[in-house]
């Protein structure tokens, strides 16, 4: 009985460590760690933006009444 319990525990530990490793890898490669929607307080109708950053790169899309401008951010 203890042999089956030990095997089951080892299998569950291995399986959970694989799931944990997969989740960590997915978190590291995503580009959406930080998402924001900035606007300017004096005139929020003419200014807007979308900003998202990941671990290594990100993108800023800002509209300050002159049209959308895209800026790529990398480390």
PDB file of N, CA and C in Angstrom:
ATOM      1  N   UNK A   1       0.814  -1.193   0.000  1.00  0.00           N
ATOM      2  CA  UNK A   1       0.000   0.000   0.000  1.00  0.00           C
ATOM      3  C   UNK A   1       0.864   1.266   0.000  1.00  0.00           C
ATOM      4  N   UNK A   2       1.934   1.267   0.751  1.00  0.00           N
ATOM      5  CA  UNK A   2       2.799   2.441   0.780  1.00  0.00           C
ATOM      6  C   UNK A   2       3.514   2.636  -0.546  1.00  0.00           C
ATOM      7  N   UNK A   3       3.778   1.534  -1.253  1.00  0.00           N
ATOM      8  CA  UNK A   3       4.431   1.642  -2.553  1.00  0.00           C
ATOM      9  C   UNK A   3       3.515   2.362  -3.552  1.00  0.00           C
ATOM     10  N   UNK A   4       2.225   2.045  -3.545  1.00  0.00           N
ATOM     11  CA  UNK A   4       1.279   2.710  -4.449  1.00  0.00           C
ATOM     12  C   UNK A   4       1.121   4.188  -4.074  1.00  0.00           C
ATOM     13  N   UNK A   5       1.083   4.473  -2.783  1.00  0.00           N
ATOM     14  CA  UNK A   5       0.975   5.863  -2.334  1.00  0.00           C
ATOM     15  C   UNK A   5       2.206   6.661  -2.761  1.00  0.00           C
ATOM     16  N   UNK A   6       3.361   6.056  -2.631  1.00  0.00           N
ATOM     17  CA  UNK A   6       4.603   6.732  -3.004  1.00  0.00           C
ATOM     18  C   UNK A   6       4.649   6.980  -4.507  1.00  0.00           C
ATOM     19  N   UNK A   7       4.270   5.998  -5.300  1.00  0.00           N
ATOM     20  CA  UNK A   7       4.251   6.176  -6.759  1.00  0.00           C
ATOM     21  C   UNK A   7       3.258   7.257  -7.162  1.00  0.00           C
ATOM     22  N   UNK A   8       2.097   7.233  -6.541  1.00  0.00           N
ATOM     23  CA  UNK A   8       1.085   8.255  -6.848  1.00  0.00           C
ATOM     24  C   UNK A   8       1.560   9.654  -6.493  1.00  0.00           C
ATOM     25  N   UNK A   9       2.232   9.770  -5.359  1.00  0.00           N
ATOM     26  CA  UNK A   9       2.750  11.066  -4.936  1.00  0.00           C
ATOM     27  C   UNK A   9       3.826  11.564  -5.898  1.00  0.00           C
ATOM     28  N   UNK A  10       4.704  10.683  -6.314  1.00  0.00           N
ATOM     29  CA  UNK A  10       5.761  11.065  -7.260  1.00  0.00           C
ATOM     30  C   UNK A  10       5.153  11.473  -8.600  1.00  0.00           C
ATOM     31  N   UNK A  11       4.166  10.721  -9.081  1.00  0.00           N
ATOM     32  CA  UNK A  11       3.509  11.056 -10.345  1.00  0.00           C
ATOM     33  C   UNK A  11       2.796  12.402 -10.248  1.00  0.00           C
ATOM     34  N   UNK A  12       2.075  12.640  -9.157  1.00  0.00           N
ATOM     35  CA  UNK A  12       1.357  13.908  -8.988  1.00  0.00           C
ATOM     36  C   UNK A  12       2.332  15.078  -8.908  1.00  0.00           C
ATOM     37  N   UNK A  13       3.434  14.890  -8.211  1.00  0.00           N
ATOM     38  CA  UNK A  13       4.438  15.948  -8.102  1.00  0.00           C
ATOM     39  C   UNK A  13       5.049  16.265  -9.464  1.00  0.00           C
ATOM     40  N   UNK A  14       5.372  15.238 -10.229  1.00  0.00           N
ATOM     41  CA  UNK A  14       5.932  15.431 -11.563  1.00  0.00           C
ATOM     42  C   UNK A  14       4.928  16.143 -12.466  1.00  0.00           C
ATOM     43  N   UNK A  15       3.687  15.712 -12.441  1.00  0.00           N
ATOM     44  CA  UNK A  15       2.644  16.298 -13.283  1.00  0.00           C
ATOM     45  C   UNK A  15       2.409  17.767 -12.920  1.00  0.00           C
ATOM     46  N   UNK A  16       2.332  18.067 -11.634  1.00  0.00           N
ATOM     47  CA  UNK A  16       2.127  19.451 -11.203  1.00  0.00           C
ATOM     48  C   UNK A  16       3.334  20.333 -11.522  1.00  0.00           C
ATOM     49  N   UNK A  17       4.540  19.781 -11.470  1.00  0.00           N
ATOM     50  CA  UNK A  17       5.720  20.573 -11.827  1.00  0.00           C
ATOM     51  C   UNK A  17       5.735  20.880 -13.326  1.00  0.00           C
ATOM     52  N   UNK A  18       5.263  19.961 -14.158  1.00  0.00           N
ATOM     53  CA  UNK A  18       5.158  20.245 -15.590  1.00  0.00           C
ATOM     54  C   UNK A  18       4.147  21.356 -15.856  1.00  0.00           C
ATOM     55  N   UNK A  19       3.019  21.301 -15.178  1.00  0.00           N
ATOM     56  CA  UNK A  19       2.010  22.350 -15.341  1.00  0.00           C
ATOM     57  C   UNK A  19       2.568  23.699 -14.875  1.00  0.00           C
ATOM     58  N   UNK A  20       3.251  23.706 -13.739  1.00  0.00           N
ATOM     59  CA  UNK A  20       3.845  24.947 -13.230  1.00  0.00           C
ATOM     60  C   UNK A  20       4.892  25.510 -14.171  1.00  0.00           C
ATOM     61  N   UNK A  21       5.736  24.652 -14.723  1.00  0.00           N
ATOM     62  CA  UNK A  21       6.743  25.103 -15.688  1.00  0.00           C
ATOM     63  C   UNK A  21       6.107  25.686 -16.938  1.00  0.00           C
ATOM     64  N   UNK A  22       5.043  25.057 -17.410  1.00  0.00           N
ATOM     65  CA  UNK A  22       4.336  25.584 -18.577  1.00  0.00           C
ATOM     66  C   UNK A  22       3.723  26.947 -18.318  1.00  0.00           C
ATOM     67  N   UNK A  23       3.152  27.131 -17.133  1.00  0.00           N
ATOM     68  CA  UNK A  23       2.570  28.429 -16.790  1.00  0.00           C
ATOM     69  C   UNK A  23       3.640  29.512 -16.671  1.00  0.00           C
ATOM     70  N   UNK A  24       4.787  29.176 -16.127  1.00  0.00           N
ATOM     71  CA  UNK A  24       5.879  30.148 -16.025  1.00  0.00           C
ATOM     72  C   UNK A  24       6.381  30.533 -17.412  1.00  0.00           C
ATOM     73  N   UNK A  25       6.546  29.569 -18.299  1.00  0.00           N
ATOM     74  CA  UNK A  25       6.987  29.874 -19.673  1.00  0.00           C
ATOM     75  C   UNK A  25       5.969  30.755 -20.390  1.00  0.00           C
ATOM     76  N   UNK A  26       4.688  30.457 -20.225  1.00  0.00           N
ATOM     77  CA  UNK A  26       3.647  31.272 -20.857  1.00  0.00           C
ATOM     78  C   UNK A  26       3.663  32.697 -20.318  1.00  0.00           C
ATOM     79  N   UNK A  27       3.908  32.856 -19.037  1.00  0.00           N
ATOM     80  CA  UNK A  27       3.954  34.201 -18.450  1.00  0.00           C
ATOM     81  C   UNK A  27       5.161  34.980 -18.943  1.00  0.00           C
ATOM     82  N   UNK A  28       6.274  34.324 -19.162  1.00  0.00           N
ATOM     83  CA  UNK A  28       7.485  35.024 -19.595  1.00  0.00           C
ATOM     84  C   UNK A  28       7.406  35.490 -21.038  1.00  0.00           C
ATOM     85  N   UNK A  29       6.726  34.765 -21.903  1.00  0.00           N
ATOM     86  CA  UNK A  29       6.708  35.132 -23.315  1.00  0.00           C
ATOM     87  C   UNK A  29       5.543  36.040 -23.690  1.00  0.00           C
ATOM     88  N   UNK A  30       4.590  36.258 -22.795  1.00  0.00           N
ATOM     89  CA  UNK A  30       3.461  37.110 -23.139  1.00  0.00           C
ATOM     90  C   UNK A  30       3.894  38.569 -23.233  1.00  0.00           C
ATOM     91  N   UNK A  31       3.219  39.323 -24.076  1.00  0.00           N
ATOM     92  CA  UNK A  31       3.534  40.735 -24.254  1.00  0.00           C
ATOM     93  C   UNK A  31       2.538  41.631 -23.521  1.00  0.00           C
ATOM     94  N   UNK A  32       1.697  41.065 -22.700  1.00  0.00           N
ATOM     95  CA  UNK A  32       0.658  41.849 -22.029  1.00  0.00           C
ATOM     96  C   UNK A  32       0.752  41.713 -20.521  1.00  0.00           C
ATOM     97  N   UNK A  33       1.909  41.991 -19.945  1.00  0.00           N
ATOM     98  CA  UNK A  33       2.037  42.016 -18.486  1.00  0.00           C
ATOM     99  C   UNK A  33       1.338  43.242 -17.939  1.00  0.00           C
ATOM    100  N   UNK A  34       1.504  44.358 -18.623  1.00  0.00           N
ATOM    101  CA  UNK A  34       0.897  45.617 -18.199  1.00  0.00           C
ATOM    102  C   UNK A  34       0.068  46.152 -19.359  1.00  0.00           C
ATOM    103  N   UNK A  35      -1.210  46.378 -19.124  1.00  0.00           N
ATOM    104  CA  UNK A  35      -2.098  46.987 -20.112  1.00  0.00           C
ATOM    105  C   UNK A  35      -2.630  48.291 -19.538  1.00  0.00           C
ATOM    106  N   UNK A  36      -2.643  49.332 -20.369  1.00  0.00           N
ATOM    107  CA  UNK A  36      -3.144  50.625 -19.900  1.00  0.00           C
ATOM    108  C   UNK A  36      -3.858  51.335 -21.042  1.00  0.00           C
ATOM    109  N   UNK A  37      -4.780  52.201 -20.680  1.00  0.00           N
ATOM    110  CA  UNK A  37      -5.487  53.050 -21.637  1.00  0.00           C
ATOM    111  C   UNK A  37      -5.386  54.507 -21.165  1.00  0.00           C
ATOM    112  N   UNK A  38      -4.292  55.180 -21.515  1.00  0.00           N
ATOM    113  CA  UNK A  38      -4.110  56.563 -21.050  1.00  0.00           C
ATOM    114  C   UNK A  38      -4.945  57.561 -21.852  1.00  0.00           C
ATOM    115  N   UNK A  39      -5.278  58.687 -21.204  1.00  0.00           N
ATOM    116  CA  UNK A  39      -5.929  59.796 -21.865  1.00  0.00           C
ATOM    117  C   UNK A  39      -5.500  61.074 -21.156  1.00  0.00           C
ATOM    118  N   UNK A  40      -5.692  62.180 -21.831  1.00  0.00           N
ATOM    119  CA  UNK A  40      -5.334  63.471 -21.240  1.00  0.00           C
ATOM    120  C   UNK A  40      -6.565  64.056 -20.576  1.00  0.00           C
ATOM    121  N   UNK A  41      -6.390  64.559 -19.380  1.00  0.00           N
ATOM    122  CA  UNK A  41      -7.513  65.067 -18.600  1.00  0.00           C
ATOM    123  C   UNK A  41      -8.175  66.307 -19.213  1.00  0.00           C
ATOM    124  N   UNK A  42      -7.429  67.288 -19.756  1.00  0.00           N
ATOM    125  CA  UNK A  42      -8.101  68.486 -20.283  1.00  0.00           C
ATOM    126  C   UNK A  42      -9.062  68.195 -21.437  1.00  0.00           C
ATOM    127  N   UNK A  43      -8.743  67.238 -22.294  1.00  0.00           N
ATOM    128  CA  UNK A  43      -9.596  66.968 -23.441  1.00  0.00           C
ATOM    129  C   UNK A  43      -9.609  65.472 -23.735  1.00  0.00           C
ATOM    130  N   UNK A  44     -10.365  64.673 -22.990  1.00  0.00           N
ATOM    131  CA  UNK A  44     -10.328  63.222 -23.192  1.00  0.00           C
ATOM    132  C   UNK A  44     -10.980  62.759 -24.494  1.00  0.00           C
ATOM    133  N   UNK A  45     -11.763  63.627 -25.162  1.00  0.00           N
ATOM    134  CA  UNK A  45     -12.413  63.227 -26.409  1.00  0.00           C
ATOM    135  C   UNK A  45     -11.423  63.165 -27.569  1.00  0.00           C
ATOM    136  N   UNK A  46     -10.381  63.992 -27.523  1.00  0.00           N
ATOM    137  CA  UNK A  46      -9.421  64.042 -28.623  1.00  0.00           C
ATOM    138  C   UNK A  46      -8.123  63.298 -28.343  1.00  0.00           C
ATOM    139  N   UNK A  47      -7.980  62.771 -27.151  1.00  0.00           N
ATOM    140  CA  UNK A  47      -6.740  62.061 -26.835  1.00  0.00           C
ATOM    141  C   UNK A  47      -7.079  60.701 -26.243  1.00  0.00           C
ATOM    142  N   UNK A  48      -6.343  59.710 -26.664  1.00  0.00           N
ATOM    143  CA  UNK A  48      -6.550  58.350 -26.165  1.00  0.00           C
ATOM    144  C   UNK A  48      -5.261  57.578 -26.402  1.00  0.00           C
ATOM    145  N   UNK A  49      -5.239  56.368 -25.928  1.00  0.00           N
ATOM    146  CA  UNK A  49      -4.055  55.561 -26.150  1.00  0.00           C
ATOM    147  C   UNK A  49      -4.228  54.147 -25.671  1.00  0.00           C
ATOM    148  N   UNK A  50      -3.348  53.300 -26.137  1.00  0.00           N
ATOM    149  CA  UNK A  50      -3.273  51.906 -25.702  1.00  0.00           C
ATOM    150  C   UNK A  50      -1.803  51.585 -25.485  1.00  0.00           C
ATOM    151  N   UNK A  51      -1.492  51.080 -24.315  1.00  0.00           N
ATOM    152  CA  UNK A  51      -0.110  50.754 -23.972  1.00  0.00           C
ATOM    153  C   UNK A  51      -0.091  49.350 -23.410  1.00  0.00           C
ATOM    154  N   UNK A  52       0.809  48.515 -23.909  1.00  0.00           N
ATOM    155  CA  UNK A  52       1.017  47.203 -23.295  1.00  0.00           C
ATOM    156  C   UNK A  52       2.492  46.848 -23.327  1.00  0.00           C
ATOM    157  N   UNK A  53       2.933  46.314 -22.191  1.00  0.00           N
ATOM    158  CA  UNK A  53       4.329  45.935 -22.021  1.00  0.00           C
ATOM    159  C   UNK A  53       4.417  44.481 -21.610  1.00  0.00           C
ATOM    160  N   UNK A  54       5.450  43.810 -22.074  1.00  0.00           N
ATOM    161  CA  UNK A  54       5.782  42.473 -21.629  1.00  0.00           C
ATOM    162  C   UNK A  54       7.124  42.495 -20.930  1.00  0.00           C
ATOM    163  N   UNK A  55       7.739  41.339 -20.822  1.00  0.00           N
ATOM    164  CA  UNK A  55       9.034  41.271 -20.167  1.00  0.00           C
ATOM    165  C   UNK A  55      10.125  41.906 -21.020  1.00  0.00           C
ATOM    166  N   UNK A  56      10.109  41.667 -22.328  1.00  0.00           N
ATOM    167  CA  UNK A  56      11.189  42.123 -23.199  1.00  0.00           C
ATOM    168  C   UNK A  56      10.783  43.200 -24.188  1.00  0.00           C
ATOM    169  N   UNK A  57       9.507  43.342 -24.481  1.00  0.00           N
ATOM    170  CA  UNK A  57       9.088  44.326 -25.468  1.00  0.00           C
ATOM    171  C   UNK A  57       7.650  44.749 -25.211  1.00  0.00           C
ATOM    172  N   UNK A  58       7.254  45.795 -25.899  1.00  0.00           N
ATOM    173  CA  UNK A  58       5.902  46.296 -25.745  1.00  0.00           C
ATOM    174  C   UNK A  58       5.578  47.271 -26.860  1.00  0.00           C
ATOM    175  N   UNK A  59       4.411  47.900 -26.746  1.00  0.00           N
ATOM    176  CA  UNK A  59       3.979  48.824 -27.784  1.00  0.00           C
ATOM    177  C   UNK A  59       3.125  49.920 -27.157  1.00  0.00           C
ATOM    178  N   UNK A  60       3.347  51.160 -27.621  1.00  0.00           N
ATOM    179  CA  UNK A  60       2.526  52.293 -27.216  1.00  0.00           C
ATOM    180  C   UNK A  60       1.827  52.815 -28.461  1.00  0.00           C
ATOM    181  N   UNK A  61       0.531  52.972 -28.398  1.00  0.00           N
ATOM    182  CA  UNK A  61      -0.245  53.590 -29.467  1.00  0.00           C
ATOM    183  C   UNK A  61      -0.951  54.789 -28.852  1.00  0.00           C
ATOM    184  N   UNK A  62      -0.520  55.985 -29.235  1.00  0.00           N
ATOM    185  CA  UNK A  62      -1.042  57.204 -28.626  1.00  0.00           C
ATOM    186  C   UNK A  62      -1.658  58.108 -29.685  1.00  0.00           C
ATOM    187  N   UNK A  63      -2.766  58.728 -29.332  1.00  0.00           N
ATOM    188  CA  UNK A  63      -3.433  59.700 -30.184  1.00  0.00           C
ATOM    189  C   UNK A  63      -3.574  60.983 -29.377  1.00  0.00           C
ATOM    190  N   UNK A  64      -2.781  61.987 -29.724  1.00  0.00           N
ATOM    191  CA  UNK A  64      -2.825  63.262 -29.016  1.00  0.00           C
ATOM    192  C   UNK A  64      -3.389  64.314 -29.971  1.00  0.00           C
ATOM    193  N   UNK A  65      -4.545  64.044 -30.535  1.00  0.00           N
ATOM    194  CA  UNK A  65      -5.283  64.929 -31.438  1.00  0.00           C
ATOM    195  C   UNK A  65      -4.636  65.077 -32.811  1.00  0.00           C
ATOM    196  N   UNK A  66      -3.553  64.362 -33.090  1.00  0.00           N
ATOM    197  CA  UNK A  66      -2.898  64.430 -34.397  1.00  0.00           C
ATOM    198  C   UNK A  66      -2.968  63.111 -35.147  1.00  0.00           C
ATOM    199  N   UNK A  67      -3.690  62.149 -34.643  1.00  0.00           N
ATOM    200  CA  UNK A  67      -3.744  60.828 -35.250  1.00  0.00           C
ATOM    201  C   UNK A  67      -2.959  59.829 -34.424  1.00  0.00           C
ATOM    202  N   UNK A  68      -3.163  58.592 -34.715  1.00  0.00           N
ATOM    203  CA  UNK A  68      -2.533  57.518 -33.940  1.00  0.00           C
ATOM    204  C   UNK A  68      -1.057  57.404 -34.291  1.00  0.00           C
ATOM    205  N   UNK A  69      -0.234  57.338 -33.281  1.00  0.00           N
ATOM    206  CA  UNK A  69       1.210  57.142 -33.418  1.00  0.00           C
ATOM    207  C   UNK A  69       1.576  55.860 -32.687  1.00  0.00           C
ATOM    208  N   UNK A  70       2.336  55.001 -33.338  1.00  0.00           N
ATOM    209  CA  UNK A  70       2.740  53.731 -32.740  1.00  0.00           C
ATOM    210  C   UNK A  70       4.231  53.767 -32.432  1.00  0.00           C
ATOM    211  N   UNK A  71       4.576  53.392 -31.209  1.00  0.00           N
ATOM    212  CA  UNK A  71       5.964  53.333 -30.761  1.00  0.00           C
ATOM    213  C   UNK A  71       6.236  51.942 -30.217  1.00  0.00           C
ATOM    214  N   UNK A  72       7.270  51.315 -30.714  1.00  0.00           N
ATOM    215  CA  UNK A  72       7.665  50.007 -30.201  1.00  0.00           C
ATOM    216  C   UNK A  72       8.709  50.201 -29.106  1.00  0.00           C
ATOM    217  N   UNK A  73       8.539  49.473 -28.027  1.00  0.00           N
ATOM    218  CA  UNK A  73       9.431  49.580 -26.877  1.00  0.00           C
ATOM    219  C   UNK A  73      10.122  48.239 -26.701  1.00  0.00           C
ATOM    220  N   UNK A  74      11.446  48.247 -26.614  1.00  0.00           N
ATOM    221  CA  UNK A  74      12.182  47.006 -26.364  1.00  0.00           C
ATOM    222  C   UNK A  74      13.256  47.274 -25.324  1.00  0.00           C
ATOM    223  N   UNK A  75      13.639  46.212 -24.652  1.00  0.00           N
ATOM    224  CA  UNK A  75      14.632  46.384 -23.587  1.00  0.00           C
ATOM    225  C   UNK A  75      16.042  46.344 -24.126  1.00  0.00           C
TER     226      UNK A  75
END
